[in-house]
Every structure is written in structure tokens, then in C-alpha cells.
PDB file of N, CA and C in Angstrom:
ATOM      1  N   UNK A   1    -127.112  19.957 -47.931  1.00  0.00           N
ATOM      2  CA  UNK A   1    -126.027  20.902 -47.733  1.00  0.00           C
ATOM      3  C   UNK A   1    -125.399  20.632 -46.364  1.00  0.00           C
ATOM      4  N   UNK A   2    -124.074  20.530 -46.282  1.00  0.00           N
ATOM      5  CA  UNK A   2    -123.426  20.221 -45.002  1.00  0.00           C
ATOM      6  C   UNK A   2    -123.505  21.409 -44.041  1.00  0.00           C
ATOM      7  N   UNK A   3    -123.497  21.056 -42.769  1.00  0.00           N
ATOM      8  CA  UNK A   3    -123.512  22.068 -41.717  1.00  0.00           C
ATOM      9  C   UNK A   3    -122.103  22.583 -41.475  1.00  0.00           C
ATOM     10  N   UNK A   4    -122.012  23.794 -40.944  1.00  0.00           N
ATOM     11  CA  UNK A   4    -120.707  24.329 -40.541  1.00  0.00           C
ATOM     12  C   UNK A   4    -120.202  23.519 -39.352  1.00  0.00           C
ATOM     13  N   UNK A   5    -118.912  23.433 -39.210  1.00  0.00           N
ATOM     14  CA  UNK A   5    -118.324  22.734 -38.069  1.00  0.00           C
ATOM     15  C   UNK A   5    -118.619  23.530 -36.802  1.00  0.00           C
ATOM     16  N   UNK A   6    -118.886  22.815 -35.730  1.00  0.00           N
ATOM     17  CA  UNK A   6    -119.127  23.500 -34.450  1.00  0.00           C
ATOM     18  C   UNK A   6    -117.809  24.056 -33.935  1.00  0.00           C
ATOM     19  N   UNK A   7    -117.898  25.125 -33.151  1.00  0.00           N
ATOM     20  CA  UNK A   7    -116.702  25.746 -32.591  1.00  0.00           C
ATOM     21  C   UNK A   7    -116.816  25.786 -31.073  1.00  0.00           C
ATOM     22  N   UNK A   8    -115.705  25.987 -30.385  1.00  0.00           N
ATOM     23  CA  UNK A   8    -115.743  26.001 -28.918  1.00  0.00           C
ATOM     24  C   UNK A   8    -116.547  27.180 -28.380  1.00  0.00           C
ATOM     25  N   UNK A   9    -117.175  26.963 -27.254  1.00  0.00           N
ATOM     26  CA  UNK A   9    -117.915  28.010 -26.540  1.00  0.00           C
ATOM     27  C   UNK A   9    -116.934  29.116 -26.158  1.00  0.00           C
ATOM     28  N   UNK A  10    -117.365  30.386 -26.281  1.00  0.00           N
ATOM     29  CA  UNK A  10    -116.490  31.526 -25.958  1.00  0.00           C
ATOM     30  C   UNK A  10    -116.255  31.696 -24.452  1.00  0.00           C
ATOM     31  N   UNK A  11    -117.073  31.033 -23.642  1.00  0.00           N
ATOM     32  CA  UNK A  11    -116.910  31.161 -22.190  1.00  0.00           C
ATOM     33  C   UNK A  11    -115.589  30.515 -21.793  1.00  0.00           C
ATOM     34  N   UNK A  12    -114.758  31.245 -21.085  1.00  0.00           N
ATOM     35  CA  UNK A  12    -113.423  30.775 -20.757  1.00  0.00           C
ATOM     36  C   UNK A  12    -113.458  29.458 -19.980  1.00  0.00           C
ATOM     37  N   UNK A  13    -112.759  28.473 -20.506  1.00  0.00           N
ATOM     38  CA  UNK A  13    -112.647  27.183 -19.832  1.00  0.00           C
ATOM     39  C   UNK A  13    -113.754  26.202 -20.157  1.00  0.00           C
ATOM     40  N   UNK A  14    -114.736  26.588 -20.958  1.00  0.00           N
ATOM     41  CA  UNK A  14    -115.845  25.696 -21.294  1.00  0.00           C
ATOM     42  C   UNK A  14    -115.420  24.772 -22.438  1.00  0.00           C
ATOM     43  N   UNK A  15    -115.551  23.454 -22.258  1.00  0.00           N
ATOM     44  CA  UNK A  15    -115.125  22.512 -23.294  1.00  0.00           C
ATOM     45  C   UNK A  15    -116.207  22.215 -24.345  1.00  0.00           C
ATOM     46  N   UNK A  16    -117.421  22.751 -24.184  1.00  0.00           N
ATOM     47  CA  UNK A  16    -118.535  22.430 -25.091  1.00  0.00           C
ATOM     48  C   UNK A  16    -118.360  23.068 -26.465  1.00  0.00           C
ATOM     49  N   UNK A  17    -118.891  22.380 -27.483  1.00  0.00           N
ATOM     50  CA  UNK A  17    -118.899  22.907 -28.847  1.00  0.00           C
ATOM     51  C   UNK A  17    -120.286  23.462 -29.141  1.00  0.00           C
ATOM     52  N   UNK A  18    -120.348  24.497 -29.999  1.00  0.00           N
ATOM     53  CA  UNK A  18    -121.614  25.158 -30.274  1.00  0.00           C
ATOM     54  C   UNK A  18    -121.681  25.680 -31.706  1.00  0.00           C
ATOM     55  N   UNK A  19    -122.905  25.945 -32.167  1.00  0.00           N
ATOM     56  CA  UNK A  19    -123.104  26.558 -33.479  1.00  0.00           C
ATOM     57  C   UNK A  19    -122.942  28.072 -33.400  1.00  0.00           C
ATOM     58  N   UNK A  20    -123.260  28.649 -32.244  1.00  0.00           N
ATOM     59  CA  UNK A  20    -123.184  30.099 -32.057  1.00  0.00           C
ATOM     60  C   UNK A  20    -121.913  30.494 -31.325  1.00  0.00           C
ATOM     61  N   UNK A  21    -122.027  31.528 -30.490  1.00  0.00           N
ATOM     62  CA  UNK A  21    -120.866  31.987 -29.736  1.00  0.00           C
ATOM     63  C   UNK A  21    -120.705  31.241 -28.421  1.00  0.00           C
ATOM     64  N   UNK A  22    -121.829  30.931 -27.779  1.00  0.00           N
ATOM     65  CA  UNK A  22    -121.804  30.277 -26.473  1.00  0.00           C
ATOM     66  C   UNK A  22    -122.643  29.007 -26.511  1.00  0.00           C
ATOM     67  N   UNK A  23    -122.297  28.040 -25.647  1.00  0.00           N
ATOM     68  CA  UNK A  23    -123.118  26.838 -25.515  1.00  0.00           C
ATOM     69  C   UNK A  23    -124.431  27.243 -24.838  1.00  0.00           C
ATOM     70  N   UNK A  24    -125.403  26.333 -24.769  1.00  0.00           N
ATOM     71  CA  UNK A  24    -126.725  26.667 -24.211  1.00  0.00           C
ATOM     72  C   UNK A  24    -126.633  27.220 -22.790  1.00  0.00           C
ATOM     73  N   UNK A  25    -125.824  26.594 -21.966  1.00  0.00           N
ATOM     74  CA  UNK A  25    -125.694  27.017 -20.560  1.00  0.00           C
ATOM     75  C   UNK A  25    -125.143  28.431 -20.473  1.00  0.00           C
ATOM     76  N   UNK A  26    -124.060  28.686 -21.197  1.00  0.00           N
ATOM     77  CA  UNK A  26    -123.408  29.984 -21.094  1.00  0.00           C
ATOM     78  C   UNK A  26    -124.108  31.072 -21.904  1.00  0.00           C
ATOM     79  N   UNK A  27    -124.899  30.700 -22.902  1.00  0.00           N
ATOM     80  CA  UNK A  27    -125.671  31.697 -23.662  1.00  0.00           C
ATOM     81  C   UNK A  27    -126.677  32.367 -22.739  1.00  0.00           C
ATOM     82  N   UNK A  28    -127.376  31.564 -21.937  1.00  0.00           N
ATOM     83  CA  UNK A  28    -128.346  32.124 -20.986  1.00  0.00           C
ATOM     84  C   UNK A  28    -127.645  33.001 -19.957  1.00  0.00           C
ATOM     85  N   UNK A  29    -126.521  32.528 -19.457  1.00  0.00           N
ATOM     86  CA  UNK A  29    -125.762  33.278 -18.460  1.00  0.00           C
ATOM     87  C   UNK A  29    -125.260  34.598 -19.055  1.00  0.00           C
ATOM     88  N   UNK A  30    -124.766  34.564 -20.279  1.00  0.00           N
ATOM     89  CA  UNK A  30    -124.269  35.762 -20.941  1.00  0.00           C
ATOM     90  C   UNK A  30    -125.400  36.761 -21.201  1.00  0.00           C
ATOM     91  N   UNK A  31    -126.565  36.252 -21.630  1.00  0.00           N
ATOM     92  CA  UNK A  31    -127.713  37.131 -21.885  1.00  0.00           C
ATOM     93  C   UNK A  31    -128.167  37.813 -20.594  1.00  0.00           C
ATOM     94  N   UNK A  32    -128.183  37.056 -19.508  1.00  0.00           N
ATOM     95  CA  UNK A  32    -128.586  37.606 -18.210  1.00  0.00           C
ATOM     96  C   UNK A  32    -127.606  38.697 -17.761  1.00  0.00           C
ATOM     97  N   UNK A  33    -126.323  38.429 -17.927  1.00  0.00           N
ATOM     98  CA  UNK A  33    -125.296  39.398 -17.549  1.00  0.00           C
ATOM     99  C   UNK A  33    -125.410  40.666 -18.398  1.00  0.00           C
ATOM    100  N   UNK A  34    -125.622  40.504 -19.707  1.00  0.00           N
ATOM    101  CA  UNK A  34    -125.777  41.651 -20.596  1.00  0.00           C
ATOM    102  C   UNK A  34    -126.966  42.499 -20.163  1.00  0.00           C
ATOM    103  N   UNK A  35    -128.089  41.833 -19.926  1.00  0.00           N
ATOM    104  CA  UNK A  35    -129.317  42.531 -19.531  1.00  0.00           C
ATOM    105  C   UNK A  35    -129.110  43.326 -18.249  1.00  0.00           C
ATOM    106  N   UNK A  36    -128.393  42.736 -17.307  1.00  0.00           N
ATOM    107  CA  UNK A  36    -128.231  43.370 -15.988  1.00  0.00           C
ATOM    108  C   UNK A  36    -127.168  44.472 -15.974  1.00  0.00           C
ATOM    109  N   UNK A  37    -126.036  44.254 -16.641  1.00  0.00           N
ATOM    110  CA  UNK A  37    -124.907  45.173 -16.484  1.00  0.00           C
ATOM    111  C   UNK A  37    -124.574  46.034 -17.702  1.00  0.00           C
ATOM    112  N   UNK A  38    -124.788  45.519 -18.911  1.00  0.00           N
ATOM    113  CA  UNK A  38    -124.296  46.251 -20.081  1.00  0.00           C
ATOM    114  C   UNK A  38    -125.374  46.918 -20.911  1.00  0.00           C
ATOM    115  N   UNK A  39    -126.623  46.530 -20.753  1.00  0.00           N
ATOM    116  CA  UNK A  39    -127.681  47.124 -21.574  1.00  0.00           C
ATOM    117  C   UNK A  39    -128.034  48.514 -21.060  1.00  0.00           C
ATOM    118  N   UNK A  40    -128.293  49.423 -21.972  1.00  0.00           N
ATOM    119  CA  UNK A  40    -128.654  50.793 -21.638  1.00  0.00           C
ATOM    120  C   UNK A  40    -129.901  50.809 -20.738  1.00  0.00           C
ATOM    121  N   UNK A  41    -129.858  51.513 -19.600  1.00  0.00           N
ATOM    122  CA  UNK A  41    -131.007  51.542 -18.682  1.00  0.00           C
ATOM    123  C   UNK A  41    -132.297  52.048 -19.329  1.00  0.00           C
ATOM    124  N   UNK A  42    -132.206  53.029 -20.235  1.00  0.00           N
ATOM    125  CA  UNK A  42    -133.407  53.536 -20.905  1.00  0.00           C
ATOM    126  C   UNK A  42    -134.038  52.454 -21.773  1.00  0.00           C
ATOM    127  N   UNK A  43    -133.203  51.689 -22.442  1.00  0.00           N
ATOM    128  CA  UNK A  43    -133.703  50.594 -23.278  1.00  0.00           C
ATOM    129  C   UNK A  43    -134.357  49.538 -22.400  1.00  0.00           C
ATOM    130  N   UNK A  44    -133.740  49.243 -21.277  1.00  0.00           N
ATOM    131  CA  UNK A  44    -134.286  48.240 -20.356  1.00  0.00           C
ATOM    132  C   UNK A  44    -135.682  48.651 -19.875  1.00  0.00           C
ATOM    133  N   UNK A  45    -135.886  49.948 -19.668  1.00  0.00           N
ATOM    134  CA  UNK A  45    -137.207  50.435 -19.225  1.00  0.00           C
ATOM    135  C   UNK A  45    -138.261  50.263 -20.313  1.00  0.00           C
ATOM    136  N   UNK A  46    -137.864  50.462 -21.578  1.00  0.00           N
ATOM    137  CA  UNK A  46    -138.818  50.360 -22.687  1.00  0.00           C
ATOM    138  C   UNK A  46    -139.245  48.934 -22.968  1.00  0.00           C
ATOM    139  N   UNK A  47    -138.356  47.976 -22.726  1.00  0.00           N
ATOM    140  CA  UNK A  47    -138.658  46.571 -23.019  1.00  0.00           C
ATOM    141  C   UNK A  47    -138.906  45.823 -21.710  1.00  0.00           C
ATOM    142  N   UNK A  48    -140.067  46.070 -21.129  1.00  0.00           N
ATOM    143  CA  UNK A  48    -140.433  45.493 -19.843  1.00  0.00           C
ATOM    144  C   UNK A  48    -141.417  44.335 -20.028  1.00  0.00           C
ATOM    145  N   UNK A  49    -142.105  43.949 -18.955  1.00  0.00           N
ATOM    146  CA  UNK A  49    -143.070  42.841 -19.025  1.00  0.00           C
ATOM    147  C   UNK A  49    -144.208  43.134 -19.991  1.00  0.00           C
ATOM    148  N   UNK A  50    -144.646  44.386 -19.996  1.00  0.00           N
ATOM    149  CA  UNK A  50    -145.726  44.765 -20.905  1.00  0.00           C
ATOM    150  C   UNK A  50    -145.306  44.476 -22.356  1.00  0.00           C
ATOM    151  N   UNK A  51    -144.062  44.834 -22.713  1.00  0.00           N
ATOM    152  CA  UNK A  51    -143.568  44.581 -24.058  1.00  0.00           C
ATOM    153  C   UNK A  51    -143.546  43.085 -24.354  1.00  0.00           C
ATOM    154  N   UNK A  52    -143.126  42.284 -23.381  1.00  0.00           N
ATOM    155  CA  UNK A  52    -143.067  40.838 -23.599  1.00  0.00           C
ATOM    156  C   UNK A  52    -144.454  40.271 -23.891  1.00  0.00           C
ATOM    157  N   UNK A  53    -145.474  40.790 -23.207  1.00  0.00           N
ATOM    158  CA  UNK A  53    -146.854  40.343 -23.460  1.00  0.00           C
ATOM    159  C   UNK A  53    -147.308  40.754 -24.865  1.00  0.00           C
ATOM    160  N   UNK A  54    -147.026  42.005 -25.233  1.00  0.00           N
ATOM    161  CA  UNK A  54    -147.392  42.512 -26.562  1.00  0.00           C
ATOM    162  C   UNK A  54    -146.687  41.684 -27.635  1.00  0.00           C
ATOM    163  N   UNK A  55    -145.402  41.426 -27.432  1.00  0.00           N
ATOM    164  CA  UNK A  55    -144.606  40.654 -28.374  1.00  0.00           C
ATOM    165  C   UNK A  55    -145.167  39.247 -28.547  1.00  0.00           C
ATOM    166  N   UNK A  56    -145.467  38.577 -27.445  1.00  0.00           N
ATOM    167  CA  UNK A  56    -146.008  37.212 -27.506  1.00  0.00           C
ATOM    168  C   UNK A  56    -147.348  37.164 -28.233  1.00  0.00           C
ATOM    169  N   UNK A  57    -148.216  38.148 -27.963  1.00  0.00           N
ATOM    170  CA  UNK A  57    -149.509  38.208 -28.663  1.00  0.00           C
ATOM    171  C   UNK A  57    -149.313  38.431 -30.153  1.00  0.00           C
ATOM    172  N   UNK A  58    -148.393  39.330 -30.514  1.00  0.00           N
ATOM    173  CA  UNK A  58    -148.162  39.646 -31.922  1.00  0.00           C
ATOM    174  C   UNK A  58    -147.599  38.438 -32.668  1.00  0.00           C
ATOM    175  N   UNK A  59    -146.648  37.747 -32.071  1.00  0.00           N
ATOM    176  CA  UNK A  59    -146.050  36.549 -32.701  1.00  0.00           C
ATOM    177  C   UNK A  59    -147.098  35.452 -32.865  1.00  0.00           C
ATOM    178  N   UNK A  60    -148.017  35.324 -31.904  1.00  0.00           N
ATOM    179  CA  UNK A  60    -149.063  34.303 -32.002  1.00  0.00           C
ATOM    180  C   UNK A  60    -149.975  34.566 -33.206  1.00  0.00           C
ATOM    181  N   UNK A  61    -150.259  35.836 -33.479  1.00  0.00           N
ATOM    182  CA  UNK A  61    -151.134  36.204 -34.599  1.00  0.00           C
ATOM    183  C   UNK A  61    -150.358  36.217 -35.924  1.00  0.00           C
ATOM    184  N   UNK A  62    -149.059  36.568 -35.886  1.00  0.00           N
ATOM    185  CA  UNK A  62    -148.219  36.655 -37.084  1.00  0.00           C
ATOM    186  C   UNK A  62    -147.032  35.695 -36.924  1.00  0.00           C
ATOM    187  N   UNK A  63    -147.235  34.390 -37.118  1.00  0.00           N
ATOM    188  CA  UNK A  63    -146.171  33.423 -36.850  1.00  0.00           C
ATOM    189  C   UNK A  63    -145.071  33.353 -37.916  1.00  0.00           C
ATOM    190  N   UNK A  64    -145.278  33.987 -39.083  1.00  0.00           N
ATOM    191  CA  UNK A  64    -144.286  33.927 -40.153  1.00  0.00           C
ATOM    192  C   UNK A  64    -143.587  35.267 -40.345  1.00  0.00           C
ATOM    193  N   UNK A  65    -142.326  35.193 -40.768  1.00  0.00           N
ATOM    194  CA  UNK A  65    -141.547  36.401 -41.049  1.00  0.00           C
ATOM    195  C   UNK A  65    -142.213  37.167 -42.190  1.00  0.00           C
ATOM    196  N   UNK A  66    -142.580  38.405 -41.932  1.00  0.00           N
ATOM    197  CA  UNK A  66    -143.303  39.203 -42.917  1.00  0.00           C
ATOM    198  C   UNK A  66    -142.418  39.571 -44.112  1.00  0.00           C
ATOM    199  N   UNK A  67    -141.143  39.788 -43.885  1.00  0.00           N
ATOM    200  CA  UNK A  67    -140.234  40.149 -44.968  1.00  0.00           C
ATOM    201  C   UNK A  67    -139.969  38.944 -45.877  1.00  0.00           C
ATOM    202  N   UNK A  68    -139.744  37.770 -45.288  1.00  0.00           N
ATOM    203  CA  UNK A  68    -139.524  36.551 -46.077  1.00  0.00           C
ATOM    204  C   UNK A  68    -140.786  36.203 -46.865  1.00  0.00           C
ATOM    205  N   UNK A  69    -141.948  36.414 -46.247  1.00  0.00           N
ATOM    206  CA  UNK A  69    -143.220  36.123 -46.917  1.00  0.00           C
ATOM    207  C   UNK A  69    -143.374  36.982 -48.171  1.00  0.00           C
ATOM    208  N   UNK A  70    -142.930  38.223 -48.117  1.00  0.00           N
ATOM    209  CA  UNK A  70    -142.973  39.110 -49.286  1.00  0.00           C
ATOM    210  C   UNK A  70    -142.096  38.579 -50.414  1.00  0.00           C
ATOM    211  N   UNK A  71    -141.017  37.872 -50.038  1.00  0.00           N
ATOM    212  CA  UNK A  71    -140.081  37.314 -51.025  1.00  0.00           C
ATOM    213  C   UNK A  71    -140.421  35.876 -51.396  1.00  0.00           C
ATOM    214  N   UNK A  72    -141.595  35.387 -50.992  1.00  0.00           N
ATOM    215  CA  UNK A  72    -142.044  34.057 -51.371  1.00  0.00           C
ATOM    216  C   UNK A  72    -141.461  32.918 -50.557  1.00  0.00           C
ATOM    217  N   UNK A  73    -140.867  33.227 -49.396  1.00  0.00           N
ATOM    218  CA  UNK A  73    -140.310  32.181 -48.533  1.00  0.00           C
ATOM    219  C   UNK A  73    -141.174  32.041 -47.291  1.00  0.00           C
ATOM    220  N   UNK A  74    -141.218  30.831 -46.725  1.00  0.00           N
ATOM    221  CA  UNK A  74    -141.972  30.584 -45.503  1.00  0.00           C
ATOM    222  C   UNK A  74    -140.967  30.312 -44.390  1.00  0.00           C
ATOM    223  N   UNK A  75    -140.812  31.294 -43.487  1.00  0.00           N
ATOM    224  CA  UNK A  75    -139.860  31.195 -42.380  1.00  0.00           C
ATOM    225  C   UNK A  75    -140.572  31.622 -41.103  1.00  0.00           C
ATOM    226  N   UNK A  76    -140.351  30.882 -40.039  1.00  0.00           N
ATOM    227  CA  UNK A  76    -140.967  31.195 -38.748  1.00  0.00           C
ATOM    228  C   UNK A  76    -140.389  32.493 -38.182  1.00  0.00           C
ATOM    229  N   UNK A  77    -141.255  33.356 -37.680  1.00  0.00           N
ATOM    230  CA  UNK A  77    -140.820  34.614 -37.060  1.00  0.00           C
ATOM    231  C   UNK A  77    -140.366  34.343 -35.633  1.00  0.00           C
ATOM    232  N   UNK A  78    -139.258  34.970 -35.240  1.00  0.00           N
ATOM    233  CA  UNK A  78    -138.749  34.831 -33.876  1.00  0.00           C
ATOM    234  C   UNK A  78    -138.604  36.178 -33.178  1.00  0.00           C
ATOM    235  N   UNK A  79    -138.672  37.243 -33.936  1.00  0.00           N
ATOM    236  CA  UNK A  79    -138.480  38.589 -33.395  1.00  0.00           C
ATOM    237  C   UNK A  79    -139.658  39.473 -33.794  1.00  0.00           C
ATOM    238  N   UNK A  80    -139.913  40.494 -32.980  1.00  0.00           N
ATOM    239  CA  UNK A  80    -140.890  41.514 -33.349  1.00  0.00           C
ATOM    240  C   UNK A  80    -140.121  42.829 -33.430  1.00  0.00           C
ATOM    241  N   UNK A  81    -140.215  43.467 -34.587  1.00  0.00           N
ATOM    242  CA  UNK A  81    -139.449  44.674 -34.881  1.00  0.00           C
ATOM    243  C   UNK A  81    -140.352  45.898 -34.840  1.00  0.00           C
ATOM    244  N   UNK A  82    -139.849  46.981 -34.244  1.00  0.00           N
ATOM    245  CA  UNK A  82    -140.557  48.258 -34.284  1.00  0.00           C
ATOM    246  C   UNK A  82    -140.171  48.960 -35.583  1.00  0.00           C
ATOM    247  N   UNK A  83    -141.139  49.244 -36.434  1.00  0.00           N
ATOM    248  CA  UNK A  83    -140.870  49.920 -37.707  1.00  0.00           C
ATOM    249  C   UNK A  83    -140.290  51.302 -37.430  1.00  0.00           C
ATOM    250  N   UNK A  84    -140.947  52.056 -36.567  1.00  0.00           N
ATOM    251  CA  UNK A  84    -140.397  53.326 -36.091  1.00  0.00           C
ATOM    252  C   UNK A  84    -139.873  53.048 -34.686  1.00  0.00           C
ATOM    253  N   UNK A  85    -138.561  53.111 -34.466  1.00  0.00           N
ATOM    254  CA  UNK A  85    -137.980  52.749 -33.170  1.00  0.00           C
ATOM    255  C   UNK A  85    -138.579  53.535 -32.002  1.00  0.00           C
ATOM    256  N   UNK A  86    -138.604  52.892 -30.852  1.00  0.00           N
ATOM    257  CA  UNK A  86    -139.100  53.564 -29.652  1.00  0.00           C
ATOM    258  C   UNK A  86    -138.262  54.795 -29.334  1.00  0.00           C
ATOM    259  N   UNK A  87    -136.962  54.728 -29.641  1.00  0.00           N
ATOM    260  CA  UNK A  87    -136.081  55.868 -29.375  1.00  0.00           C
ATOM    261  C   UNK A  87    -136.415  57.071 -30.258  1.00  0.00           C
ATOM    262  N   UNK A  88    -137.145  56.825 -31.359  1.00  0.00           N
ATOM    263  CA  UNK A  88    -137.564  57.907 -32.256  1.00  0.00           C
ATOM    264  C   UNK A  88    -139.062  58.167 -32.087  1.00  0.00           C
ATOM    265  N   UNK A  89    -139.546  58.018 -30.877  1.00  0.00           N
ATOM    266  CA  UNK A  89    -140.942  58.217 -30.481  1.00  0.00           C
ATOM    267  C   UNK A  89    -141.911  57.234 -31.145  1.00  0.00           C
ATOM    268  N   UNK A  90    -141.431  56.037 -31.454  1.00  0.00           N
ATOM    269  CA  UNK A  90    -142.312  54.974 -31.934  1.00  0.00           C
ATOM    270  C   UNK A  90    -143.101  54.405 -30.768  1.00  0.00           C
ATOM    271  N   UNK A  91    -144.084  53.585 -31.072  1.00  0.00           N
ATOM    272  CA  UNK A  91    -144.919  53.006 -30.006  1.00  0.00           C
ATOM    273  C   UNK A  91    -144.978  51.489 -30.163  1.00  0.00           C
ATOM    274  N   UNK A  92    -145.622  50.848 -29.179  1.00  0.00           N
ATOM    275  CA  UNK A  92    -145.863  49.406 -29.229  1.00  0.00           C
ATOM    276  C   UNK A  92    -147.157  49.110 -29.988  1.00  0.00           C
ATOM    277  N   UNK A  93    -147.724  50.107 -30.654  1.00  0.00           N
ATOM    278  CA  UNK A  93    -148.958  49.923 -31.398  1.00  0.00           C
ATOM    279  C   UNK A  93    -148.756  48.883 -32.500  1.00  0.00           C
ATOM    280  N   UNK A  94    -149.769  48.054 -32.732  1.00  0.00           N
ATOM    281  CA  UNK A  94    -149.652  46.960 -33.697  1.00  0.00           C
ATOM    282  C   UNK A  94    -149.282  47.450 -35.097  1.00  0.00           C
ATOM    283  N   UNK A  95    -149.699  48.644 -35.472  1.00  0.00           N
ATOM    284  CA  UNK A  95    -149.368  49.175 -36.799  1.00  0.00           C
ATOM    285  C   UNK A  95    -147.882  49.514 -36.926  1.00  0.00           C
ATOM    286  N   UNK A  96    -147.169  49.575 -35.799  1.00  0.00           N
ATOM    287  CA  UNK A  96    -145.743  49.890 -35.792  1.00  0.00           C
ATOM    288  C   UNK A  96    -144.888  48.636 -35.611  1.00  0.00           C
ATOM    289  N   UNK A  97    -145.500  47.459 -35.614  1.00  0.00           N
ATOM    290  CA  UNK A  97    -144.763  46.218 -35.371  1.00  0.00           C
ATOM    291  C   UNK A  97    -144.674  45.374 -36.632  1.00  0.00           C
ATOM    292  N   UNK A  98    -143.643  44.539 -36.669  1.00  0.00           N
ATOM    293  CA  UNK A  98    -143.424  43.646 -37.805  1.00  0.00           C
ATOM    294  C   UNK A  98    -142.781  42.362 -37.287  1.00  0.00           C
ATOM    295  N   UNK A  99    -143.359  41.198 -37.608  1.00  0.00           N
ATOM    296  CA  UNK A  99    -142.800  39.901 -37.209  1.00  0.00           C
ATOM    297  C   UNK A  99    -141.702  39.524 -38.194  1.00  0.00           C
ATOM    298  N   UNK A 100    -140.517  39.202 -37.676  1.00  0.00           N
ATOM    299  CA  UNK A 100    -139.373  38.876 -38.524  1.00  0.00           C
ATOM    300  C   UNK A 100    -138.621  37.660 -38.002  1.00  0.00           C
ATOM    301  N   UNK A 101    -137.895  36.988 -38.901  1.00  0.00           N
ATOM    302  CA  UNK A 101    -136.974  35.933 -38.478  1.00  0.00           C
ATOM    303  C   UNK A 101    -135.707  36.638 -37.972  1.00  0.00           C
ATOM    304  N   UNK A 102    -134.838  35.913 -37.308  1.00  0.00           N
ATOM    305  CA  UNK A 102    -133.623  36.518 -36.759  1.00  0.00           C
ATOM    306  C   UNK A 102    -132.753  37.138 -37.860  1.00  0.00           C
ATOM    307  N   UNK A 103    -132.659  36.466 -39.001  1.00  0.00           N
ATOM    308  CA  UNK A 103    -131.816  36.956 -40.091  1.00  0.00           C
ATOM    309  C   UNK A 103    -132.308  38.310 -40.620  1.00  0.00           C
ATOM    310  N   UNK A 104    -133.609  38.415 -40.882  1.00  0.00           N
ATOM    311  CA  UNK A 104    -134.168  39.682 -41.388  1.00  0.00           C
ATOM    312  C   UNK A 104    -134.056  40.783 -40.335  1.00  0.00           C
ATOM    313  N   UNK A 105    -134.323  40.434 -39.077  1.00  0.00           N
ATOM    314  CA  UNK A 105    -134.257  41.427 -38.001  1.00  0.00           C
ATOM    315  C   UNK A 105    -132.834  41.953 -37.847  1.00  0.00           C
ATOM    316  N   UNK A 106    -131.848  41.055 -37.915  1.00  0.00           N
ATOM    317  CA  UNK A 106    -130.456  41.490 -37.814  1.00  0.00           C
ATOM    318  C   UNK A 106    -130.085  42.402 -38.968  1.00  0.00           C
ATOM    319  N   UNK A 107    -130.534  42.054 -40.173  1.00  0.00           N
ATOM    320  CA  UNK A 107    -130.240  42.877 -41.345  1.00  0.00           C
ATOM    321  C   UNK A 107    -130.825  44.269 -41.230  1.00  0.00           C
ATOM    322  N   UNK A 108    -132.073  44.364 -40.789  1.00  0.00           N
ATOM    323  CA  UNK A 108    -132.721  45.667 -40.631  1.00  0.00           C
ATOM    324  C   UNK A 108    -132.033  46.470 -39.537  1.00  0.00           C
ATOM    325  N   UNK A 109    -131.756  45.832 -38.419  1.00  0.00           N
ATOM    326  CA  UNK A 109    -131.114  46.520 -37.290  1.00  0.00           C
ATOM    327  C   UNK A 109    -129.722  46.997 -37.679  1.00  0.00           C
ATOM    328  N   UNK A 110    -128.976  46.169 -38.380  1.00  0.00           N
ATOM    329  CA  UNK A 110    -127.637  46.546 -38.832  1.00  0.00           C
ATOM    330  C   UNK A 110    -127.721  47.759 -39.757  1.00  0.00           C
ATOM    331  N   UNK A 111    -128.710  47.782 -40.634  1.00  0.00           N
ATOM    332  CA  UNK A 111    -128.911  48.909 -41.538  1.00  0.00           C
ATOM    333  C   UNK A 111    -129.225  50.189 -40.798  1.00  0.00           C
ATOM    334  N   UNK A 112    -130.047  50.094 -39.745  1.00  0.00           N
ATOM    335  CA  UNK A 112    -130.396  51.274 -38.946  1.00  0.00           C
ATOM    336  C   UNK A 112    -129.183  51.792 -38.208  1.00  0.00           C
ATOM    337  N   UNK A 113    -128.366  50.893 -37.668  1.00  0.00           N
ATOM    338  CA  UNK A 113    -127.172  51.314 -36.936  1.00  0.00           C
ATOM    339  C   UNK A 113    -126.169  51.984 -37.868  1.00  0.00           C
ATOM    340  N   UNK A 114    -126.039  51.515 -39.104  1.00  0.00           N
ATOM    341  CA  UNK A 114    -125.119  52.132 -40.072  1.00  0.00           C
ATOM    342  C   UNK A 114    -125.576  53.543 -40.423  1.00  0.00           C
ATOM    343  N   UNK A 115    -126.907  53.752 -40.537  1.00  0.00           N
ATOM    344  CA  UNK A 115    -127.429  55.089 -40.853  1.00  0.00           C
ATOM    345  C   UNK A 115    -127.179  56.059 -39.705  1.00  0.00           C
ATOM    346  N   UNK A 116    -127.234  55.584 -38.457  1.00  0.00           N
ATOM    347  CA  UNK A 116    -127.007  56.467 -37.296  1.00  0.00           C
ATOM    348  C   UNK A 116    -125.582  56.948 -37.271  1.00  0.00           C
ATOM    349  N   UNK A 117    -124.625  56.121 -37.724  1.00  0.00           N
ATOM    350  CA  UNK A 117    -123.211  56.478 -37.677  1.00  0.00           C
ATOM    351  C   UNK A 117    -122.834  57.463 -38.756  1.00  0.00           C
ATOM    352  N   UNK A 118    -123.580  57.525 -39.848  1.00  0.00           N
ATOM    353  CA  UNK A 118    -123.259  58.440 -40.970  1.00  0.00           C
ATOM    354  C   UNK A 118    -123.408  59.887 -40.608  1.00  0.00           C
TER     355      UNK A 118
END
């Protein structure tokens, strides 16, 4: 199956082509800027170093996307999802976590955001 054509990096003046929105250099820069200036301070407090350690341990034990595995597909997990969100008094407890690929995590998160708007 052919790949999609690469598109220009969204960073103004950058000549690089990319599969996503930003080239590798500007993706890191954009993520850093988002984390520092645009991300909600309460969210930033919840996802600290402790969370990164918990996440890394969980991914090491659950390397495959749990949702894809249920559907008979083998896909590497890249995200750890809170089944009950921290904002709804969820915890970092292992029973509240789920290893997901980016596609499944985006789908679940998008679904949760749509329910909040209703």
C-alpha cells in the first residue's frame, strides 16, 4: 500500500517535509512550548515524574495495545490511558491503566471529549 505524500512542516519558514504536522526538530520544540505555556497547570501537576515512572513500568509489562489485542491485532502500545480520568478522581493504580497504541488512545480520548461537550 503506498504511503501518503509528505507535507511541509507547519513551523513558519521550515523547508522540511514530514508525515505529521511538524518535522522532528520542530515537533520537539512545539511539544516543549505547549507543555510550558499552553497546557493546563492542574494537568501539568498530575503528570509529573512519578507518572512518567509509572507509565514506563506499565508499558514494559504491557507492551501491546490492549484494545487491538482484543480485536485480534498485534500493535505496539505507545500510550498509557487512565480508564477513569484523574480529573474524575481516578488514580495511577494499575487497575485503572490501559496500554494503547496512539490510534486507539486518540479514539478513546476524542470520545471522552465529545461526551463532555454534550
